[in-house]
Amino acid sequence: MERIRAFIAVDIEGEISERLARLTESLRATGADVKVVEKENFHITIRFLGNISVEAIDIIEEIIRKSVVDVKPHKIKLKGVGTFGGSRPRVVWVGVEGDEELRKIFERIERELRKAGFKPETKGFTAHVTLARVRSGRGVEALKKWVEEMSDVELGELEVKSIRLKKSILTPRGPIYETLREVKL
């Protein structure tokens, strides 16, 4: 049985992805040892699924459809930079304001995935866009200073119009994402 690595997400496209790409260039300039996310890979993960069977794709699409049935297109704001990992940052991210609808979608999808036999999400849901992964402690002080300076940066509004089921292929040069299904709001 063929298995694929998959997740459910909102893709970040257009002008906002350009702004995020410029922000990653600014991050790179700190000299911190980071692997930045490619412009075409910016997204907000609703739910990471891990390795799923190809047969589960239709089931997951139906779960997404059922979970967003009454959700209309809506705007969110990308604002503020932060890190996960405490004093030893592992991930640099941009925050999301106005994520109530995304949270509702996550909770519904999570409930339906559990009913369908998927393992529960243990980390909960924090809407964010990953900018970079921190590879080592090299330049970490400069990174922390940059994060502090960018803590209130505003990147603009994004209209959420669809939720996508994505396939993730890991390569030595970084992940390649492919949209398997798209459910419009």
C-alpha atoms as a PDB file:
ATOM      1  CA  MET A   1       0.000   0.000   0.000  1.00  0.00           C
ATOM      2  CA  GLU A   2       1.505   3.295  -1.121  1.00  0.00           C
ATOM      3  CA  ARG A   3       1.914   5.919   1.609  1.00  0.00           C
ATOM      4  CA  ILE A   4       2.555   9.645   1.323  1.00  0.00           C
ATOM      5  CA  ARG A   5       3.534  12.372   3.786  1.00  0.00           C
ATOM      6  CA  ALA A   6       0.652  14.835   3.959  1.00  0.00           C
ATOM      7  CA  PHE A   7      -0.804  17.862   5.728  1.00  0.00           C
ATOM      8  CA  ILE A   8      -3.828  20.168   5.532  1.00  0.00           C
ATOM      9  CA  ALA A   9      -3.025  23.857   5.000  1.00  0.00           C
ATOM     10  CA  VAL A  10      -3.796  27.340   3.762  1.00  0.00           C
ATOM     11  CA  ASP A  11      -1.242  28.340   1.133  1.00  0.00           C
ATOM     12  CA  ILE A  12       0.283  31.829   1.235  1.00  0.00           C
ATOM     13  CA  GLU A  13       0.498  33.247  -2.268  1.00  0.00           C
ATOM     14  CA  GLY A  14       0.850  36.541  -4.110  1.00  0.00           C
ATOM     15  CA  GLU A  15       2.158  39.750  -2.566  1.00  0.00           C
ATOM     16  CA  ILE A  16       2.187  38.358   0.988  1.00  0.00           C
ATOM     17  CA  SER A  17       4.562  35.554  -0.047  1.00  0.00           C
ATOM     18  CA  GLU A  18       6.817  38.198  -1.650  1.00  0.00           C
ATOM     19  CA  ARG A  19       6.862  40.119   1.648  1.00  0.00           C
ATOM     20  CA  LEU A  20       7.641  36.939   3.575  1.00  0.00           C
ATOM     21  CA  ALA A  21      10.499  36.175   1.151  1.00  0.00           C
ATOM     22  CA  ARG A  22      11.964  39.656   1.760  1.00  0.00           C
ATOM     23  CA  LEU A  23      11.669  39.031   5.501  1.00  0.00           C
ATOM     24  CA  THR A  24      13.604  35.751   5.179  1.00  0.00           C
ATOM     25  CA  GLU A  25      16.377  37.625   3.332  1.00  0.00           C
ATOM     26  CA  SER A  26      16.562  40.016   6.276  1.00  0.00           C
ATOM     27  CA  LEU A  27      16.726  36.991   8.604  1.00  0.00           C
ATOM     28  CA  ARG A  28      19.535  35.414   6.560  1.00  0.00           C
ATOM     29  CA  ALA A  29      21.497  38.663   6.838  1.00  0.00           C
ATOM     30  CA  THR A  30      21.772  38.161  10.623  1.00  0.00           C
ATOM     31  CA  GLY A  31      24.284  35.373   9.991  1.00  0.00           C
ATOM     32  CA  ALA A  32      22.257  32.896  12.048  1.00  0.00           C
ATOM     33  CA  ASP A  33      22.468  29.259  10.918  1.00  0.00           C
ATOM     34  CA  VAL A  34      18.954  28.911   9.496  1.00  0.00           C
ATOM     35  CA  LYS A  35      17.267  27.036   6.653  1.00  0.00           C
ATOM     36  CA  VAL A  36      14.661  29.461   5.301  1.00  0.00           C
ATOM     37  CA  VAL A  37      11.401  28.343   3.739  1.00  0.00           C
ATOM     38  CA  GLU A  38      11.208  28.801  -0.037  1.00  0.00           C
ATOM     39  CA  LYS A  39       8.736  31.443  -1.254  1.00  0.00           C
ATOM     40  CA  GLU A  40       6.511  28.849  -2.956  1.00  0.00           C
ATOM     41  CA  ASN A  41       6.276  26.799   0.272  1.00  0.00           C
ATOM     42  CA  PHE A  42       4.840  29.395   2.676  1.00  0.00           C
ATOM     43  CA  HIS A  43       1.658  28.092   4.295  1.00  0.00           C
ATOM     44  CA  ILE A  44      -0.330  27.855   7.520  1.00  0.00           C
ATOM     45  CA  THR A  45      -0.591  24.246   8.621  1.00  0.00           C
ATOM     46  CA  ILE A  46      -4.071  23.379   9.841  1.00  0.00           C
ATOM     47  CA  ARG A  47      -3.193  19.742  10.615  1.00  0.00           C
ATOM     48  CA  PHE A  48      -0.081  17.658   9.943  1.00  0.00           C
ATOM     49  CA  LEU A  49      -1.156  14.129   9.000  1.00  0.00           C
ATOM     50  CA  GLY A  50       2.154  12.306   8.681  1.00  0.00           C
ATOM     51  CA  ASN A  51       2.286   9.250   6.439  1.00  0.00           C
ATOM     52  CA  ILE A  52      -1.140   8.360   5.094  1.00  0.00           C
ATOM     53  CA  SER A  53      -2.312   5.756   2.617  1.00  0.00           C
ATOM     54  CA  VAL A  54      -3.215   6.980  -0.856  1.00  0.00           C
ATOM     55  CA  GLU A  55      -6.671   5.493  -0.229  1.00  0.00           C
ATOM     56  CA  ALA A  56      -7.185   7.987   2.640  1.00  0.00           C
ATOM     57  CA  ILE A  57      -7.010  11.016   0.296  1.00  0.00           C
ATOM     58  CA  ASP A  58     -10.728  10.870  -0.587  1.00  0.00           C
ATOM     59  CA  ILE A  59     -11.690  10.405   3.084  1.00  0.00           C
ATOM     60  CA  ILE A  60      -9.600  13.414   4.129  1.00  0.00           C
ATOM     61  CA  GLU A  61     -11.055  15.559   1.334  1.00  0.00           C
ATOM     62  CA  GLU A  62     -14.555  14.679   2.562  1.00  0.00           C
ATOM     63  CA  ILE A  63     -13.544  15.524   6.162  1.00  0.00           C
ATOM     64  CA  ILE A  64     -12.272  18.946   5.014  1.00  0.00           C
ATOM     65  CA  ARG A  65     -15.461  19.534   2.988  1.00  0.00           C
ATOM     66  CA  LYS A  66     -17.661  18.643   5.976  1.00  0.00           C
ATOM     67  CA  SER A  67     -15.551  20.812   8.316  1.00  0.00           C
ATOM     68  CA  VAL A  68     -15.778  23.997   6.221  1.00  0.00           C
ATOM     69  CA  VAL A  69     -19.377  23.661   4.994  1.00  0.00           C
ATOM     70  CA  ASP A  70     -20.497  26.919   6.688  1.00  0.00           C
ATOM     71  CA  VAL A  71     -17.159  28.802   6.569  1.00  0.00           C
ATOM     72  CA  LYS A  72     -17.003  31.758   4.188  1.00  0.00           C
ATOM     73  CA  PRO A  73     -13.853  33.302   2.694  1.00  0.00           C
ATOM     74  CA  HIS A  74     -12.350  35.570   5.361  1.00  0.00           C
ATOM     75  CA  LYS A  75      -9.315  37.736   6.011  1.00  0.00           C
ATOM     76  CA  ILE A  76      -6.459  37.088   8.400  1.00  0.00           C
ATOM     77  CA  LYS A  77      -3.525  39.357   9.186  1.00  0.00           C
ATOM     78  CA  LEU A  78       0.098  38.223   9.240  1.00  0.00           C
ATOM     79  CA  LYS A  79       1.833  40.110  12.011  1.00  0.00           C
ATOM     80  CA  GLY A  80       4.796  39.699  14.330  1.00  0.00           C
ATOM     81  CA  VAL A  81       7.789  37.379  14.340  1.00  0.00           C
ATOM     82  CA  GLY A  82       8.500  34.857  17.071  1.00  0.00           C
ATOM     83  CA  THR A  83      10.204  31.530  17.734  1.00  0.00           C
ATOM     84  CA  PHE A  84       9.365  28.076  19.035  1.00  0.00           C
ATOM     85  CA  GLY A  85      11.931  26.440  21.271  1.00  0.00           C
ATOM     86  CA  GLY A  86      12.367  28.860  24.163  1.00  0.00           C
ATOM     87  CA  SER A  87      15.948  29.944  24.871  1.00  0.00           C
ATOM     88  CA  ARG A  88      17.208  27.633  22.101  1.00  0.00           C
ATOM     89  CA  PRO A  89      15.014  28.631  19.129  1.00  0.00           C
ATOM     90  CA  ARG A  90      14.198  25.837  16.665  1.00  0.00           C
ATOM     91  CA  VAL A  91      11.641  27.538  14.408  1.00  0.00           C
ATOM     92  CA  VAL A  92      11.197  31.183  13.379  1.00  0.00           C
ATOM     93  CA  TRP A  93       7.609  32.095  12.501  1.00  0.00           C
ATOM     94  CA  VAL A  94       5.219  34.912  11.592  1.00  0.00           C
ATOM     95  CA  GLY A  95       2.041  35.118  13.647  1.00  0.00           C
ATOM     96  CA  VAL A  96      -1.564  35.197  12.482  1.00  0.00           C
ATOM     97  CA  GLU A  97      -4.214  37.599  13.810  1.00  0.00           C
ATOM     98  CA  GLY A  98      -7.896  36.857  13.295  1.00  0.00           C
ATOM     99  CA  ASP A  99      -7.423  33.091  13.270  1.00  0.00           C
ATOM    100  CA  GLU A 100     -10.754  32.221  14.956  1.00  0.00           C
ATOM    101  CA  GLU A 101     -12.151  30.641  11.770  1.00  0.00           C
ATOM    102  CA  LEU A 102      -8.933  28.655  11.236  1.00  0.00           C
ATOM    103  CA  ARG A 103      -9.148  27.403  14.829  1.00  0.00           C
ATOM    104  CA  LYS A 104     -12.758  26.344  14.259  1.00  0.00           C
ATOM    105  CA  ILE A 105     -11.719  24.510  11.057  1.00  0.00           C
ATOM    106  CA  PHE A 106      -8.861  22.788  12.932  1.00  0.00           C
ATOM    107  CA  GLU A 107     -11.182  21.662  15.748  1.00  0.00           C
ATOM    108  CA  ARG A 108     -13.749  20.265  13.312  1.00  0.00           C
ATOM    109  CA  ILE A 109     -11.128  18.512  11.168  1.00  0.00           C
ATOM    110  CA  GLU A 110      -9.486  17.092  14.289  1.00  0.00           C
ATOM    111  CA  ARG A 111     -12.800  15.698  15.559  1.00  0.00           C
ATOM    112  CA  GLU A 112     -13.584  14.070  12.200  1.00  0.00           C
ATOM    113  CA  LEU A 113     -10.053  12.678  11.774  1.00  0.00           C
ATOM    114  CA  ARG A 114     -10.302  11.014  15.196  1.00  0.00           C
ATOM    115  CA  LYS A 115     -13.654   9.473  14.230  1.00  0.00           C
ATOM    116  CA  ALA A 116     -11.961   8.144  11.072  1.00  0.00           C
ATOM    117  CA  GLY A 117      -9.216   6.506  13.168  1.00  0.00           C
ATOM    118  CA  PHE A 118      -6.376   9.021  12.836  1.00  0.00           C
ATOM    119  CA  LYS A 119      -4.108   9.588  15.816  1.00  0.00           C
ATOM    120  CA  PRO A 120      -4.950  12.733  17.808  1.00  0.00           C
ATOM    121  CA  GLU A 121      -2.904  15.907  17.345  1.00  0.00           C
ATOM    122  CA  THR A 122      -0.902  16.315  20.542  1.00  0.00           C
ATOM    123  CA  LYS A 123       0.488  19.837  19.967  1.00  0.00           C
ATOM    124  CA  GLY A 124      -2.806  21.652  19.512  1.00  0.00           C
ATOM    125  CA  PHE A 125      -3.184  24.467  16.979  1.00  0.00           C
ATOM    126  CA  THR A 126      -1.152  27.661  16.759  1.00  0.00           C
ATOM    127  CA  ALA A 127      -1.733  29.519  13.501  1.00  0.00           C
ATOM    128  CA  HIS A 128       1.630  30.623  12.106  1.00  0.00           C
ATOM    129  CA  VAL A 129       3.750  30.723   8.962  1.00  0.00           C
ATOM    130  CA  THR A 130       7.160  29.084   9.363  1.00  0.00           C
ATOM    131  CA  LEU A 131       9.910  31.355   8.030  1.00  0.00           C
ATOM    132  CA  ALA A 132      12.925  29.220   8.901  1.00  0.00           C
ATOM    133  CA  ARG A 133      14.278  26.305  10.903  1.00  0.00           C
ATOM    134  CA  VAL A 134      17.291  26.948  13.115  1.00  0.00           C
ATOM    135  CA  ARG A 135      20.068  24.456  12.351  1.00  0.00           C
ATOM    136  CA  SER A 136      22.534  25.265  15.129  1.00  0.00           C
ATOM    137  CA  GLY A 137      23.406  27.787  17.832  1.00  0.00           C
ATOM    138  CA  ARG A 138      25.649  29.774  15.474  1.00  0.00           C
ATOM    139  CA  GLY A 139      24.470  33.385  15.383  1.00  0.00           C
ATOM    140  CA  VAL A 140      21.637  32.723  17.831  1.00  0.00           C
ATOM    141  CA  GLU A 141      22.136  36.034  19.688  1.00  0.00           C
ATOM    142  CA  ALA A 142      21.831  37.977  16.412  1.00  0.00           C
ATOM    143  CA  LEU A 143      18.761  35.885  15.594  1.00  0.00           C
ATOM    144  CA  LYS A 144      17.130  36.702  18.943  1.00  0.00           C
ATOM    145  CA  LYS A 145      17.857  40.419  18.443  1.00  0.00           C
ATOM    146  CA  TRP A 146      16.317  40.283  14.938  1.00  0.00           C
ATOM    147  CA  VAL A 147      13.209  38.483  16.267  1.00  0.00           C
ATOM    148  CA  GLU A 148      12.809  41.160  18.959  1.00  0.00           C
ATOM    149  CA  GLU A 149      13.128  43.941  16.337  1.00  0.00           C
ATOM    150  CA  MET A 150      10.536  42.215  14.123  1.00  0.00           C
ATOM    151  CA  SER A 151       8.109  41.305  16.912  1.00  0.00           C
ATOM    152  CA  ASP A 152       5.505  43.828  15.671  1.00  0.00           C
ATOM    153  CA  VAL A 153       6.195  43.739  11.921  1.00  0.00           C
ATOM    154  CA  GLU A 154       2.991  43.828   9.844  1.00  0.00           C
ATOM    155  CA  LEU A 155       2.947  41.901   6.578  1.00  0.00           C
ATOM    156  CA  GLY A 156      -0.628  42.591   5.533  1.00  0.00           C
ATOM    157  CA  GLU A 157      -3.908  40.783   5.102  1.00  0.00           C
ATOM    158  CA  LEU A 158      -4.572  37.544   3.309  1.00  0.00           C
ATOM    159  CA  GLU A 159      -7.953  36.268   2.214  1.00  0.00           C
ATOM    160  CA  VAL A 160      -8.481  32.622   3.095  1.00  0.00           C
ATOM    161  CA  LYS A 161     -10.491  31.200   0.191  1.00  0.00           C
ATOM    162  CA  SER A 162      -9.642  27.509   0.332  1.00  0.00           C
ATOM    163  CA  ILE A 163      -8.140  24.698   2.374  1.00  0.00           C
ATOM    164  CA  ARG A 164      -5.745  22.298   0.658  1.00  0.00           C
ATOM    165  CA  LEU A 165      -4.597  18.761   1.259  1.00  0.00           C
ATOM    166  CA  LYS A 166      -0.877  18.816   0.477  1.00  0.00           C
ATOM    167  CA  LYS A 167       1.675  16.116  -0.245  1.00  0.00           C
ATOM    168  CA  SER A 168       5.183  16.701   1.119  1.00  0.00           C
ATOM    169  CA  ILE A 169       8.188  15.103  -0.565  1.00  0.00           C
ATOM    170  CA  LEU A 170      11.363  15.527   1.488  1.00  0.00           C
ATOM    171  CA  THR A 171      14.538  16.088  -0.534  1.00  0.00           C
ATOM    172  CA  PRO A 172      18.104  17.074   0.457  1.00  0.00           C
ATOM    173  CA  ARG A 173      17.419  20.569  -0.971  1.00  0.00           C
ATOM    174  CA  GLY A 174      14.218  20.978   1.046  1.00  0.00           C
ATOM    175  CA  PRO A 175      10.608  19.830   0.829  1.00  0.00           C
ATOM    176  CA  ILE A 176       8.538  19.869  -2.343  1.00  0.00           C
ATOM    177  CA  TYR A 177       4.820  20.412  -1.763  1.00  0.00           C
ATOM    178  CA  GLU A 178       2.078  19.336  -4.132  1.00  0.00           C
ATOM    179  CA  THR A 179      -1.624  20.092  -3.804  1.00  0.00           C
ATOM    180  CA  LEU A 180      -3.631  16.859  -3.853  1.00  0.00           C
ATOM    181  CA  ARG A 181      -7.068  18.357  -3.217  1.00  0.00           C
ATOM    182  CA  GLU A 182      -8.509  21.818  -2.721  1.00  0.00           C
ATOM    183  CA  VAL A 183     -11.763  22.688  -0.958  1.00  0.00           C
ATOM    184  CA  LYS A 184     -13.023  26.200  -1.664  1.00  0.00           C
ATOM    185  CA  LEU A 185     -14.778  28.158   1.092  1.00  0.00           C
END
